[in-house]
Each structure stands twice: as C-alpha cells, then as structure tokens.
Amino acid sequence: MSEDIGALVEQISSMNLDQLRDIWRRRYGVPPALRSLPLMRLQLAWRIQADANGGIGAATRNALARKGATEPEGWELGIGARLNRKWKGKRIEVTVEEQGFRWEGKHYPSLSATARAITGIRWNGPRFFGLRQ
C-alpha cells in the first residue's frame, strides 16, 4: 500500500459522514445511502484499498462463489423453532417457518421485518431477538 493510501485510510477513521460522502462522491460518484458512520468508514476504506491493491484475488472470489448464498439468520434454528422475548411488558413469540417468520398470525419474510412490525421502528432482527450481540 502506498503512503498516500495509508494516510487517507488513517484520515477516514476520524471523518464525519459528510466528509466521507464527499470523498466517495469525488472518487466513485453517488455515495451509498448509509447512515452508519462505522459502516461508511469501513466501506470507503476498503474500496480505496481495493482500488490501490487490486481488490479480492481470484482464489478468494472462487471460494466465495463455491460457498453459495448465505441463509438468513434465524432460519438455521429450524422450522418450528420459537423465539421469545419481552417488549414493553408484552411477551413476544415468533415461530420460524419454511419461508420466513410468523408473529400474531402474520407472515414476515425476515426477522428484521418481524421486529419492525413489533416495534414500529427499524431493528436488526437477529439482534432484537438476542441471536447476536
């Protein structure tokens, strides 16, 4: 990695969202619609380094292609598994189904969609149900 790239990546770690978007815009065009400062920093730093160093090698790309699509979190629990938690004093129970999740008789395609229906706001579904830290 050249000194200029290393210095830029170091600077990225202390930039705010507007500064990151400005760099992205100048280098790549329209920036992603991310609002997460840590994710935007990681994505921009990775992209700059990938451009400078050639990105992911052929062997890694092939290994990722062989691995195939990942299964959404929660489905690995098995069909019929029940996720429970308390939310605002109410007991919540969600059942894992073949094509998604069921809560109060309604089907949802993902845990995040289920958590949003429960809370009325955006949530990371696996985090809401305690499947990750």
C-alpha atoms as a PDB file:
ATOM      1  CA  MET A   1       0.000   0.000   0.000  1.00  0.00           C
ATOM      2  CA  SER A   2       1.402   3.383  -0.898  1.00  0.00           C
ATOM      3  CA  GLU A   3       1.979   6.022   1.754  1.00  0.00           C
ATOM      4  CA  ASP A   4      -0.781   8.228   0.287  1.00  0.00           C
ATOM      5  CA  ILE A   5      -3.372   5.443   0.527  1.00  0.00           C
ATOM      6  CA  GLY A   6      -2.297   4.571   4.071  1.00  0.00           C
ATOM      7  CA  ALA A   7      -2.567   8.216   5.136  1.00  0.00           C
ATOM      8  CA  LEU A   8      -6.008   8.567   3.537  1.00  0.00           C
ATOM      9  CA  VAL A   9      -7.281   5.418   5.218  1.00  0.00           C
ATOM     10  CA  GLU A  10      -5.951   6.747   8.537  1.00  0.00           C
ATOM     11  CA  GLN A  11      -7.755  10.074   7.970  1.00  0.00           C
ATOM     12  CA  ILE A  12     -11.005   8.261   7.184  1.00  0.00           C
ATOM     13  CA  SER A  13     -11.103   6.941  10.752  1.00  0.00           C
ATOM     14  CA  SER A  14     -11.724  10.449  12.102  1.00  0.00           C
ATOM     15  CA  MET A  15     -14.004  11.875   9.367  1.00  0.00           C
ATOM     16  CA  ASN A  16     -17.682  12.601   9.797  1.00  0.00           C
ATOM     17  CA  LEU A  17     -20.388  11.282   7.480  1.00  0.00           C
ATOM     18  CA  ASP A  18     -20.482  14.384   5.252  1.00  0.00           C
ATOM     19  CA  GLN A  19     -16.709  14.249   4.729  1.00  0.00           C
ATOM     20  CA  LEU A  20     -16.864  10.538   3.885  1.00  0.00           C
ATOM     21  CA  ARG A  21     -19.673  11.095   1.395  1.00  0.00           C
ATOM     22  CA  ASP A  22     -17.712  13.938  -0.202  1.00  0.00           C
ATOM     23  CA  ILE A  23     -14.669  11.685  -0.762  1.00  0.00           C
ATOM     24  CA  TRP A  24     -16.923   8.937  -2.130  1.00  0.00           C
ATOM     25  CA  ARG A  25     -18.647  11.378  -4.479  1.00  0.00           C
ATOM     26  CA  ARG A  26     -15.330  12.672  -5.847  1.00  0.00           C
ATOM     27  CA  ARG A  27     -13.884   9.181  -6.350  1.00  0.00           C
ATOM     28  CA  TYR A  28     -16.859   6.971  -7.240  1.00  0.00           C
ATOM     29  CA  GLY A  29     -19.973   9.051  -7.852  1.00  0.00           C
ATOM     30  CA  VAL A  30     -23.131   8.819  -5.782  1.00  0.00           C
ATOM     31  CA  PRO A  31     -22.317   7.543  -2.273  1.00  0.00           C
ATOM     32  CA  PRO A  32     -24.273   4.690  -0.695  1.00  0.00           C
ATOM     33  CA  ALA A  33     -27.277   5.719   1.389  1.00  0.00           C
ATOM     34  CA  LEU A  34     -25.624   4.539   4.600  1.00  0.00           C
ATOM     35  CA  ARG A  35     -26.277   6.464   7.802  1.00  0.00           C
ATOM     36  CA  SER A  36     -23.944   4.342   9.890  1.00  0.00           C
ATOM     37  CA  LEU A  37     -20.658   6.150  10.367  1.00  0.00           C
ATOM     38  CA  PRO A  38     -18.659   2.970  11.168  1.00  0.00           C
ATOM     39  CA  LEU A  39     -20.034   1.125   8.112  1.00  0.00           C
ATOM     40  CA  MET A  40     -19.377   4.057   5.803  1.00  0.00           C
ATOM     41  CA  ARG A  41     -15.805   4.330   7.102  1.00  0.00           C
ATOM     42  CA  LEU A  42     -15.194   0.609   6.567  1.00  0.00           C
ATOM     43  CA  GLN A  43     -16.742   0.569   3.117  1.00  0.00           C
ATOM     44  CA  LEU A  44     -14.850   3.626   1.877  1.00  0.00           C
ATOM     45  CA  ALA A  45     -11.516   2.482   3.329  1.00  0.00           C
ATOM     46  CA  TRP A  46     -11.964  -0.978   1.804  1.00  0.00           C
ATOM     47  CA  ARG A  47     -12.875   0.435  -1.601  1.00  0.00           C
ATOM     48  CA  ILE A  48      -9.876   2.793  -1.674  1.00  0.00           C
ATOM     49  CA  GLN A  49      -7.508  -0.014  -0.655  1.00  0.00           C
ATOM     50  CA  ALA A  50      -9.095  -2.433  -3.132  1.00  0.00           C
ATOM     51  CA  ASP A  51      -8.612   0.071  -5.947  1.00  0.00           C
ATOM     52  CA  ALA A  52      -4.973   0.578  -4.958  1.00  0.00           C
ATOM     53  CA  ASN A  53      -4.165  -3.099  -4.414  1.00  0.00           C
ATOM     54  CA  GLY A  54      -6.386  -4.931  -6.869  1.00  0.00           C
ATOM     55  CA  GLY A  55      -9.287  -5.971  -4.630  1.00  0.00           C
ATOM     56  CA  ILE A  56     -10.182  -9.564  -3.865  1.00  0.00           C
ATOM     57  CA  GLY A  57      -7.980 -12.127  -5.594  1.00  0.00           C
ATOM     58  CA  ALA A  58      -9.289 -14.772  -7.980  1.00  0.00           C
ATOM     59  CA  ALA A  59      -8.848 -17.603  -5.467  1.00  0.00           C
ATOM     60  CA  THR A  60     -10.920 -15.773  -2.857  1.00  0.00           C
ATOM     61  CA  ARG A  61     -13.617 -14.881  -5.403  1.00  0.00           C
ATOM     62  CA  ASN A  62     -13.813 -18.534  -6.453  1.00  0.00           C
ATOM     63  CA  ALA A  63     -14.039 -19.711  -2.835  1.00  0.00           C
ATOM     64  CA  LEU A  64     -16.864 -17.255  -2.151  1.00  0.00           C
ATOM     65  CA  ALA A  65     -18.705 -18.373  -5.290  1.00  0.00           C
ATOM     66  CA  ARG A  66     -18.430 -22.033  -4.219  1.00  0.00           C
ATOM     67  CA  LYS A  67     -19.820 -21.218  -0.792  1.00  0.00           C
ATOM     68  CA  GLY A  68     -23.088 -20.028  -2.345  1.00  0.00           C
ATOM     69  CA  ALA A  69     -25.768 -17.853  -0.871  1.00  0.00           C
ATOM     70  CA  THR A  70     -25.966 -17.481   2.868  1.00  0.00           C
ATOM     71  CA  GLU A  71     -29.082 -18.407   4.788  1.00  0.00           C
ATOM     72  CA  PRO A  72     -30.776 -15.540   6.639  1.00  0.00           C
ATOM     73  CA  GLU A  73     -30.171 -15.550  10.381  1.00  0.00           C
ATOM     74  CA  GLY A  74     -32.832 -17.325  12.345  1.00  0.00           C
ATOM     75  CA  TRP A  75     -33.704 -19.977   9.767  1.00  0.00           C
ATOM     76  CA  GLU A  76     -30.808 -22.163  10.913  1.00  0.00           C
ATOM     77  CA  LEU A  77     -32.780 -22.635  14.143  1.00  0.00           C
ATOM     78  CA  GLY A  78     -35.081 -24.981  12.244  1.00  0.00           C
ATOM     79  CA  ILE A  79     -38.673 -24.828  11.119  1.00  0.00           C
ATOM     80  CA  GLY A  80     -40.967 -24.659  14.109  1.00  0.00           C
ATOM     81  CA  ALA A  81     -38.410 -23.074  16.444  1.00  0.00           C
ATOM     82  CA  ARG A  82     -39.814 -20.316  18.627  1.00  0.00           C
ATOM     83  CA  LEU A  83     -38.087 -17.083  19.508  1.00  0.00           C
ATOM     84  CA  ASN A  84     -39.291 -15.354  22.659  1.00  0.00           C
ATOM     85  CA  ARG A  85     -38.659 -12.006  24.274  1.00  0.00           C
ATOM     86  CA  LYS A  86     -40.404  -9.335  26.259  1.00  0.00           C
ATOM     87  CA  TRP A  87     -41.064  -5.988  24.622  1.00  0.00           C
ATOM     88  CA  LYS A  88     -42.630  -3.140  26.579  1.00  0.00           C
ATOM     89  CA  GLY A  89     -44.086  -5.568  29.092  1.00  0.00           C
ATOM     90  CA  LYS A  90     -45.601  -7.837  26.437  1.00  0.00           C
ATOM     91  CA  ARG A  91     -44.402 -11.397  25.742  1.00  0.00           C
ATOM     92  CA  ILE A  92     -43.454 -11.771  22.071  1.00  0.00           C
ATOM     93  CA  GLU A  93     -43.279 -15.200  20.420  1.00  0.00           C
ATOM     94  CA  VAL A  94     -42.195 -15.670  16.804  1.00  0.00           C
ATOM     95  CA  THR A  95     -42.183 -19.015  15.007  1.00  0.00           C
ATOM     96  CA  VAL A  96     -39.635 -19.954  12.331  1.00  0.00           C
ATOM     97  CA  GLU A  97     -41.377 -21.158   9.151  1.00  0.00           C
ATOM     98  CA  GLU A  98     -40.083 -22.536   5.873  1.00  0.00           C
ATOM     99  CA  GLN A  99     -40.295 -19.175   4.087  1.00  0.00           C
ATOM    100  CA  GLY A 100     -39.941 -16.737   6.968  1.00  0.00           C
ATOM    101  CA  PHE A 101     -41.339 -15.988  10.386  1.00  0.00           C
ATOM    102  CA  ARG A 102     -44.815 -15.819  11.934  1.00  0.00           C
ATOM    103  CA  TRP A 103     -45.956 -13.435  14.639  1.00  0.00           C
ATOM    104  CA  GLU A 104     -49.575 -12.999  15.740  1.00  0.00           C
ATOM    105  CA  GLY A 105     -50.810 -14.938  12.717  1.00  0.00           C
ATOM    106  CA  LYS A 106     -48.964 -12.815  10.142  1.00  0.00           C
ATOM    107  CA  HIS A 107     -46.073 -13.976   7.939  1.00  0.00           C
ATOM    108  CA  TYR A 108     -42.864 -11.907   7.643  1.00  0.00           C
ATOM    109  CA  PRO A 109     -40.003 -12.636   5.218  1.00  0.00           C
ATOM    110  CA  SER A 110     -37.217 -11.833   7.706  1.00  0.00           C
ATOM    111  CA  LEU A 111     -36.538 -11.370  11.395  1.00  0.00           C
ATOM    112  CA  SER A 112     -35.886  -7.690  10.750  1.00  0.00           C
ATOM    113  CA  ALA A 113     -39.309  -7.284   9.108  1.00  0.00           C
ATOM    114  CA  THR A 114     -40.837  -9.063  12.103  1.00  0.00           C
ATOM    115  CA  ALA A 115     -39.014  -6.833  14.593  1.00  0.00           C
ATOM    116  CA  ARG A 116     -40.135  -3.745  12.679  1.00  0.00           C
ATOM    117  CA  ALA A 117     -43.776  -4.904  12.812  1.00  0.00           C
ATOM    118  CA  ILE A 118     -43.472  -5.475  16.558  1.00  0.00           C
ATOM    119  CA  THR A 119     -41.726  -2.205  17.437  1.00  0.00           C
ATOM    120  CA  GLY A 120     -42.798   0.165  14.677  1.00  0.00           C
ATOM    121  CA  ILE A 121     -39.168   1.138  14.037  1.00  0.00           C
ATOM    122  CA  ARG A 122     -36.197  -0.349  12.165  1.00  0.00           C
ATOM    123  CA  TRP A 123     -34.404  -3.050  14.102  1.00  0.00           C
ATOM    124  CA  ASN A 124     -31.808  -5.629  13.262  1.00  0.00           C
ATOM    125  CA  GLY A 125     -33.993  -8.710  13.724  1.00  0.00           C
ATOM    126  CA  PRO A 126     -31.306 -11.127  14.950  1.00  0.00           C
ATOM    127  CA  ARG A 127     -30.168  -8.514  17.481  1.00  0.00           C
ATOM    128  CA  PHE A 128     -33.741  -7.780  18.599  1.00  0.00           C
ATOM    129  CA  PHE A 129     -34.295 -11.479  19.306  1.00  0.00           C
ATOM    130  CA  GLY A 130     -30.944 -11.954  21.036  1.00  0.00           C
ATOM    131  CA  LEU A 131     -29.314 -14.062  18.329  1.00  0.00           C
ATOM    132  CA  ARG A 132     -26.289 -11.763  18.227  1.00  0.00           C
ATOM    133  CA  GLN A 133     -24.598  -9.235  20.478  1.00  0.00           C
END
